[in-house]
Protein backbone atom coordinates (compact mmCIF):
# COMPACT_ATOMS: atom_id res chain seq x y z
CA MET A 1 -30.85 34.38 64.83
CA THR A 2 -28.29 35.36 62.18
CA LEU A 3 -26.23 38.43 63.01
CA PRO A 4 -24.96 40.26 59.93
CA ALA A 5 -23.37 43.19 61.81
CA VAL A 6 -22.52 44.41 65.27
CA SER A 7 -21.91 48.06 66.20
CA PRO A 8 -19.83 48.03 69.39
CA ASP A 9 -20.52 51.51 70.80
CA ALA A 10 -19.40 51.56 74.43
CA PRO A 11 -20.72 50.44 76.83
CA ILE A 12 -23.12 48.39 74.71
CA ALA A 13 -23.12 47.05 71.18
CA ILE A 14 -26.04 47.28 68.78
CA LEU A 15 -26.72 44.25 66.62
CA ALA A 16 -27.94 45.11 63.15
CA THR A 17 -30.03 42.05 62.33
CA GLY A 18 -31.74 43.42 59.23
CA ALA A 19 -35.06 43.41 61.05
CA GLY A 20 -34.19 46.10 63.59
CA GLY A 21 -31.61 46.25 66.35
CA THR A 22 -30.96 44.30 69.53
CA VAL A 23 -28.70 45.27 72.42
CA LEU A 24 -25.66 43.17 73.24
CA ARG A 25 -23.09 43.90 75.94
CA ASP A 26 -19.70 44.92 74.51
CA HIS A 27 -17.88 42.06 76.21
CA LEU A 28 -20.07 39.61 74.32
CA ALA A 29 -19.24 41.29 71.01
CA ARG A 30 -15.56 40.56 71.66
CA ARG A 31 -16.41 36.89 72.14
CA LEU A 32 -17.86 36.44 68.64
CA PRO A 33 -16.02 33.77 66.63
CA HIS A 34 -13.13 35.46 64.79
CA GLU A 35 -13.47 33.10 61.82
CA ASP A 36 -17.04 34.33 61.24
CA PHE A 37 -16.90 38.02 62.25
CA ILE A 38 -14.53 40.87 61.41
CA ARG A 39 -14.30 44.51 62.39
CA ILE A 40 -14.67 46.83 59.39
CA HIS A 41 -14.82 50.12 61.30
CA ARG A 42 -14.36 51.16 64.90
CA SER A 43 -18.15 51.12 65.10
CA TYR A 44 -18.93 47.89 63.24
CA ILE A 45 -18.22 44.19 63.35
CA ILE A 46 -19.79 42.16 60.52
CA SER A 47 -20.50 38.55 59.70
CA LEU A 48 -18.25 37.47 56.82
CA ARG A 49 -21.07 35.21 55.62
CA LYS A 50 -23.32 38.22 55.00
CA VAL A 51 -20.90 40.30 52.89
CA ASP A 52 -22.28 40.93 49.41
CA THR A 53 -19.93 43.68 48.17
CA VAL A 54 -16.83 45.49 49.41
CA SER A 55 -16.15 48.92 47.95
CA ARG A 56 -13.48 51.49 48.67
CA LYS A 57 -15.36 53.00 51.61
CA ALA A 58 -18.22 50.63 52.44
CA VAL A 59 -19.39 47.05 52.81
CA LEU A 60 -22.79 46.01 51.55
CA LEU A 61 -24.74 43.39 53.51
CA GLY A 62 -28.01 42.92 51.66
CA ASP A 63 -29.63 46.37 51.60
CA THR A 64 -27.45 47.65 54.46
CA GLU A 65 -24.39 49.73 53.59
CA LEU A 66 -21.84 50.13 56.41
CA PRO A 67 -18.71 52.28 56.42
CA CYS A 68 -15.39 50.46 56.13
CA SER A 69 -12.19 52.22 57.19
CA GLU A 70 -9.03 51.81 55.10
CA HIS A 71 -7.16 49.82 57.77
CA TYR A 72 -9.96 47.32 58.30
CA ARG A 73 -10.71 47.12 54.56
CA ASN A 74 -7.16 45.89 53.90
CA VAL A 75 -7.61 43.22 56.57
CA LEU A 76 -10.98 42.26 55.09
CA TYR A 77 -9.49 41.97 51.60
CA SER A 78 -6.75 39.66 52.91
CA ILE A 79 -9.28 37.44 54.68
CA ILE A 80 -11.62 37.31 51.71
CA GLY A 81 -8.67 36.46 49.47
CA GLU A 82 -7.76 33.55 51.74
CA LYS A 83 -11.34 32.22 51.62
CA LEU A 84 -11.59 32.33 47.80
């Protein structure tokens, strides 16, 4: 299963798989590989492989638009820049 996004709302995290959601314990969300996943908002962790577009306030993963806070967006830009 490919996981494009994780929403870590305590005490569980919701995985947005594109085909619905699955429940994942929060401690497992923290164990996701840092080279593949990044937090873009206090409520979302996304797969870098699934990012289509990054705008000023959102990240687009296929047809799913997720909010991206300014702090995390700057981190995302720096990581994407390193991977280009």
